Amino acid sequence: MTSLTPAAELAQRNRLRFPNESEAYRRARQALLVEEIELRRHLERVAEQRRALPPGGEVTGDYRFEGEAGPLRFADLFGDKQTLVVYSYMFGPQRLRPCPMCTSLLSAWDGEAPDMEQRVALAVVARSPIERLAAFKDERGWRHLKLYSDLDGAYSRDYFGVDADGGDGDQAAFNVFTRRDGTIRHFWSGEMGPESADPGQDPRGAPDLMPLWTVLDCTPEGRGTDWYPSLDYRG
């Protein structure tokens, strides 16, 4: 195992200084830099532990979807890839409009989708009819995301895209599946929710999947407590 240089020592190598900064600012910034280095290392340790998970449960459900080009089975979502990322979009038939938070996330992912799909398959699944999903995709100006209608809701029920108590409400879910030697298995899912949330914070995973929050976390305003993404900023 490689021995890492202590974070404090790495921070001391930092020679960046900005115009007119005070000594107090630099001391605080160097202390923060130590924590940022430790955070980077912790994120990598978590990612390594995630990659080392043993095989998950085999996918045996007969899940059927409707895409913009027609019907598909679950295996078809992989295309030519061996790993599939599925986001469950909170846009079920009972909703007049989709979830703004999901929409904000997917708007960022739309630009990244061609890069992601160099390594994995990416699918966005919701329970609304495909015509409704495609219409909103056009409204939002998404160009790259592949949207699929979960025709009978079976996938959404099994992989927590609906309320766990059996209700009809949507839940956002992020699942990763693998296909190895012809067998499809569940690999990993985000499992951090209200039960694991810290006081005063919205439930969220780590690392956060939304670039929006990553940027705002670097600002003095932060995420705020009374702001929420919107579906439309016109007017």
Protein backbone atom coordinates (compact mmCIF):
# COMPACT_ATOMS: atom_id res chain seq x y z
CA MET A 1 0.00 0.00 0.00
CA THR A 2 1.38 3.40 -1.00
CA SER A 3 2.24 5.66 1.91
CA LEU A 4 0.66 9.07 1.42
CA THR A 5 2.32 12.32 2.33
CA PRO A 6 0.45 13.96 5.23
CA ALA A 7 -2.16 16.43 4.02
CA ALA A 8 -0.67 19.23 6.10
CA GLU A 9 2.68 18.74 4.36
CA LEU A 10 1.07 18.83 0.94
CA ALA A 11 -0.78 22.01 1.88
CA GLN A 12 2.48 23.65 2.85
CA ARG A 13 3.67 23.20 -0.74
CA ASN A 14 0.90 25.48 -1.96
CA ARG A 15 2.38 28.74 -3.23
CA LEU A 16 -0.79 30.41 -4.43
CA ARG A 17 -1.36 33.85 -2.97
CA PHE A 18 -3.97 36.32 -4.13
CA PRO A 19 -3.85 40.12 -4.31
CA ASN A 20 -4.30 41.91 -0.97
CA GLU A 21 -5.18 38.83 1.04
CA SER A 22 -4.60 39.10 4.79
CA GLU A 23 -2.48 36.83 6.95
CA ALA A 24 -5.65 35.73 8.73
CA TYR A 25 -7.21 34.74 5.42
CA ARG A 26 -4.12 32.77 4.38
CA ARG A 27 -3.93 30.88 7.68
CA ALA A 28 -7.61 29.93 7.44
CA ARG A 29 -7.29 29.02 3.78
CA GLN A 30 -4.29 26.77 4.42
CA ALA A 31 -6.20 25.01 7.20
CA LEU A 32 -9.11 24.54 4.82
CA LEU A 33 -6.77 23.20 2.14
CA VAL A 34 -5.67 20.45 4.53
CA GLU A 35 -9.31 19.42 4.98
CA GLU A 36 -9.94 19.56 1.21
CA ILE A 37 -7.00 17.20 0.61
CA GLU A 38 -8.35 14.84 3.27
CA LEU A 39 -11.81 15.03 1.67
CA ARG A 40 -10.39 14.13 -1.74
CA ARG A 41 -8.66 11.14 -0.20
CA HIS A 42 -11.77 10.04 1.65
CA LEU A 43 -13.84 10.24 -1.54
CA GLU A 44 -11.30 8.03 -3.29
CA ARG A 45 -11.33 5.53 -0.43
CA VAL A 46 -15.12 5.34 -0.64
CA ALA A 47 -15.01 4.93 -4.43
CA GLU A 48 -12.44 2.14 -4.08
CA GLN A 49 -14.60 0.39 -1.49
CA ARG A 50 -17.61 0.74 -3.78
CA ARG A 51 -15.73 -0.75 -6.73
CA ALA A 52 -14.77 -3.74 -4.56
CA LEU A 53 -18.35 -4.70 -3.69
CA PRO A 54 -19.15 -8.40 -4.17
CA PRO A 55 -21.68 -9.31 -6.89
CA GLY A 56 -25.14 -7.93 -6.21
CA GLY A 57 -28.49 -9.56 -6.75
CA GLU A 58 -29.31 -10.99 -10.16
CA VAL A 59 -31.90 -9.05 -12.14
CA THR A 60 -34.68 -11.51 -12.93
CA GLY A 61 -37.69 -9.25 -13.49
CA ASP A 62 -39.26 -9.05 -16.92
CA TYR A 63 -38.97 -5.27 -17.12
CA ARG A 64 -40.39 -3.64 -20.22
CA PHE A 65 -39.85 -0.07 -21.39
CA GLU A 66 -40.91 2.22 -24.21
CA GLY A 67 -38.23 4.46 -25.69
CA GLU A 68 -38.47 7.10 -28.36
CA ALA A 69 -37.58 4.44 -30.93
CA GLY A 70 -39.94 1.75 -29.63
CA PRO A 71 -40.20 -1.01 -26.99
CA LEU A 72 -37.23 -2.50 -25.16
CA ARG A 73 -36.43 -5.04 -22.48
CA PHE A 74 -34.10 -4.32 -19.61
CA ALA A 75 -31.09 -5.95 -21.28
CA ASP A 76 -31.55 -3.68 -24.30
CA LEU A 77 -30.78 -0.62 -22.16
CA PHE A 78 -27.14 -1.76 -21.94
CA GLY A 79 -26.58 -1.39 -25.67
CA ASP A 80 -22.99 -2.50 -26.26
CA LYS A 81 -21.83 -1.64 -22.72
CA GLN A 82 -21.22 -3.90 -19.73
CA THR A 83 -22.41 -1.36 -17.14
CA LEU A 84 -25.72 0.48 -17.03
CA VAL A 85 -26.57 3.58 -14.99
CA VAL A 86 -30.31 4.14 -14.48
CA TYR A 87 -31.81 7.30 -13.00
CA SER A 88 -35.44 7.09 -11.87
CA TYR A 89 -36.99 10.45 -12.79
CA MET A 90 -39.81 11.79 -10.63
CA PHE A 91 -42.28 12.31 -13.47
CA GLY A 92 -45.05 9.80 -13.00
CA PRO A 93 -48.49 10.04 -14.61
CA GLN A 94 -49.97 11.62 -11.47
CA ARG A 95 -47.69 14.66 -11.79
CA LEU A 96 -48.70 17.73 -13.75
CA ARG A 97 -45.01 18.64 -14.16
CA PRO A 98 -41.76 16.79 -13.38
CA CYS A 99 -39.70 17.27 -10.24
CA PRO A 100 -37.64 20.49 -10.58
CA MET A 101 -34.70 19.02 -8.64
CA CYS A 102 -34.53 15.91 -10.85
CA THR A 103 -34.84 18.16 -13.89
CA SER A 104 -31.94 20.35 -12.76
CA LEU A 105 -29.77 17.27 -12.29
CA LEU A 106 -30.70 15.82 -15.67
CA SER A 107 -30.11 19.13 -17.45
CA ALA A 108 -26.50 18.97 -16.26
CA TRP A 109 -26.23 15.31 -17.22
CA ASP A 110 -27.55 15.99 -20.72
CA GLY A 111 -24.34 17.80 -21.55
CA GLU A 112 -22.23 15.06 -19.97
CA ALA A 113 -24.14 12.12 -21.46
CA PRO A 114 -21.93 11.72 -24.57
CA ASP A 115 -18.87 11.55 -22.30
CA MET A 116 -20.50 9.11 -19.85
CA GLU A 117 -21.56 6.86 -22.69
CA GLN A 118 -17.98 6.33 -23.76
CA ARG A 119 -17.70 4.06 -20.72
CA VAL A 120 -21.22 3.12 -19.58
CA ALA A 121 -24.82 3.10 -20.77
CA LEU A 122 -27.09 5.78 -19.29
CA ALA A 123 -30.88 5.54 -19.08
CA VAL A 124 -33.48 7.84 -17.53
CA VAL A 125 -36.64 5.99 -16.52
CA ALA A 126 -40.00 7.47 -15.54
CA ARG A 127 -43.55 6.12 -15.32
CA SER A 128 -45.19 8.67 -17.65
CA PRO A 129 -45.95 7.67 -21.25
CA ILE A 130 -43.02 8.13 -23.61
CA GLU A 131 -44.88 10.81 -25.57
CA ARG A 132 -45.08 12.92 -22.42
CA LEU A 133 -41.42 12.37 -21.59
CA ALA A 134 -40.34 13.23 -25.13
CA ALA A 135 -42.42 16.41 -25.13
CA PHE A 136 -40.76 17.65 -21.95
CA LYS A 137 -37.34 16.64 -23.29
CA ASP A 138 -38.00 18.95 -26.25
CA GLU A 139 -39.28 21.71 -23.97
CA ARG A 140 -36.16 21.56 -21.84
CA GLY A 141 -33.85 21.37 -24.87
CA TRP A 142 -32.21 18.09 -23.90
CA ARG A 143 -30.29 16.59 -26.81
CA HIS A 144 -28.46 13.54 -25.50
CA LEU A 145 -30.39 11.88 -22.67
CA LYS A 146 -32.19 8.63 -23.44
CA LEU A 147 -35.60 8.61 -21.74
CA TYR A 148 -37.71 5.48 -21.22
CA SER A 149 -41.22 4.89 -19.97
CA ASP A 150 -41.53 2.14 -17.37
CA LEU A 151 -44.62 0.63 -18.96
CA ASP A 152 -46.09 -1.24 -15.99
CA GLY A 153 -44.03 0.30 -13.18
CA ALA A 154 -42.43 -3.04 -12.29
CA TYR A 155 -38.86 -1.76 -12.51
CA SER A 156 -39.74 1.35 -10.50
CA ARG A 157 -41.33 -0.73 -7.76
CA ASP A 158 -38.43 -3.17 -7.49
CA TYR A 159 -35.67 -0.55 -7.58
CA PHE A 160 -37.27 2.13 -5.41
CA GLY A 161 -38.47 4.60 -8.03
CA VAL A 162 -41.79 4.82 -6.17
CA ASP A 163 -42.72 5.19 -2.51
CA ALA A 164 -41.42 2.26 -0.49
CA ASP A 165 -44.71 2.10 1.44
CA GLY A 166 -46.60 1.07 -1.69
CA GLY A 167 -47.97 4.52 -2.49
CA ASP A 168 -48.13 6.07 -5.94
CA GLY A 169 -45.60 8.80 -5.29
CA ASP A 170 -42.35 8.99 -7.24
CA GLN A 171 -38.92 8.69 -5.67
CA ALA A 172 -35.64 9.65 -7.29
CA ALA A 173 -33.36 6.62 -7.48
CA PHE A 174 -29.87 6.06 -8.85
CA ASN A 175 -28.98 2.45 -9.67
CA VAL A 176 -26.00 0.83 -11.36
CA PHE A 177 -26.18 -2.59 -13.01
CA THR A 178 -23.57 -4.86 -14.57
CA ARG A 179 -23.70 -7.46 -17.30
CA ARG A 180 -20.95 -10.04 -16.99
CA ASP A 181 -20.90 -13.40 -18.83
CA GLY A 182 -24.51 -12.88 -19.84
CA THR A 183 -25.78 -12.31 -16.27
CA ILE A 184 -27.24 -8.96 -15.26
CA ARG A 185 -26.79 -7.97 -11.63
CA HIS A 186 -27.49 -4.98 -9.47
CA PHE A 187 -24.16 -3.39 -8.52
CA TRP A 188 -24.90 -0.32 -6.40
CA SER A 189 -27.66 2.10 -5.49
CA GLY A 190 -27.76 5.33 -3.56
CA GLU A 191 -29.15 4.38 -0.12
CA MET A 192 -28.85 7.69 1.73
CA GLY A 193 -32.26 9.20 2.45
CA PRO A 194 -34.25 10.95 5.18
CA GLU A 195 -33.26 8.31 7.72
CA SER A 196 -29.56 9.10 7.31
CA ALA A 197 -29.83 12.87 6.83
CA ASP A 198 -28.07 15.20 9.26
CA PRO A 199 -30.06 17.90 11.12
CA GLY A 200 -30.82 20.96 9.01
CA GLN A 201 -29.85 19.31 5.72
CA ASP A 202 -31.90 17.92 2.88
CA PRO A 203 -31.35 14.20 2.30
CA ARG A 204 -28.48 13.79 -0.11
CA GLY A 205 -25.91 11.27 -1.18
CA ALA A 206 -22.15 11.55 -1.11
CA PRO A 207 -20.65 12.51 -3.39
CA ASP A 208 -23.52 14.70 -4.55
CA LEU A 209 -24.63 13.86 -8.09
CA MET A 210 -25.67 17.44 -8.87
CA PRO A 211 -22.97 19.78 -10.27
CA LEU A 212 -25.22 22.66 -9.17
CA TRP A 213 -24.58 21.95 -5.50
CA THR A 214 -20.87 21.33 -6.03
CA VAL A 215 -20.51 24.85 -7.42
CA LEU A 216 -22.74 26.51 -4.81
CA ASP A 217 -20.86 24.74 -2.01
CA CYS A 218 -17.80 26.77 -3.08
CA THR A 219 -19.58 30.10 -2.55
CA PRO A 220 -20.28 32.11 0.63
CA GLU A 221 -24.04 31.82 -0.02
CA GLY A 222 -23.85 28.04 -0.19
CA ARG A 223 -26.95 26.03 -1.02
CA GLY A 224 -29.27 28.17 1.04
CA THR A 225 -32.34 26.97 2.91
CA ASP A 226 -35.18 28.59 0.95
CA TRP A 227 -34.17 28.18 -2.70
CA TYR A 228 -35.11 25.44 -5.12
CA PRO A 229 -34.41 24.96 -8.84
CA SER A 230 -37.19 25.96 -11.21
CA LEU A 231 -38.53 24.32 -14.33
CA ASP A 232 -38.67 27.67 -16.14
CA TYR A 233 -36.80 30.95 -15.52
CA ARG A 234 -38.53 32.94 -18.24
CA GLY A 235 -40.49 35.97 -17.09
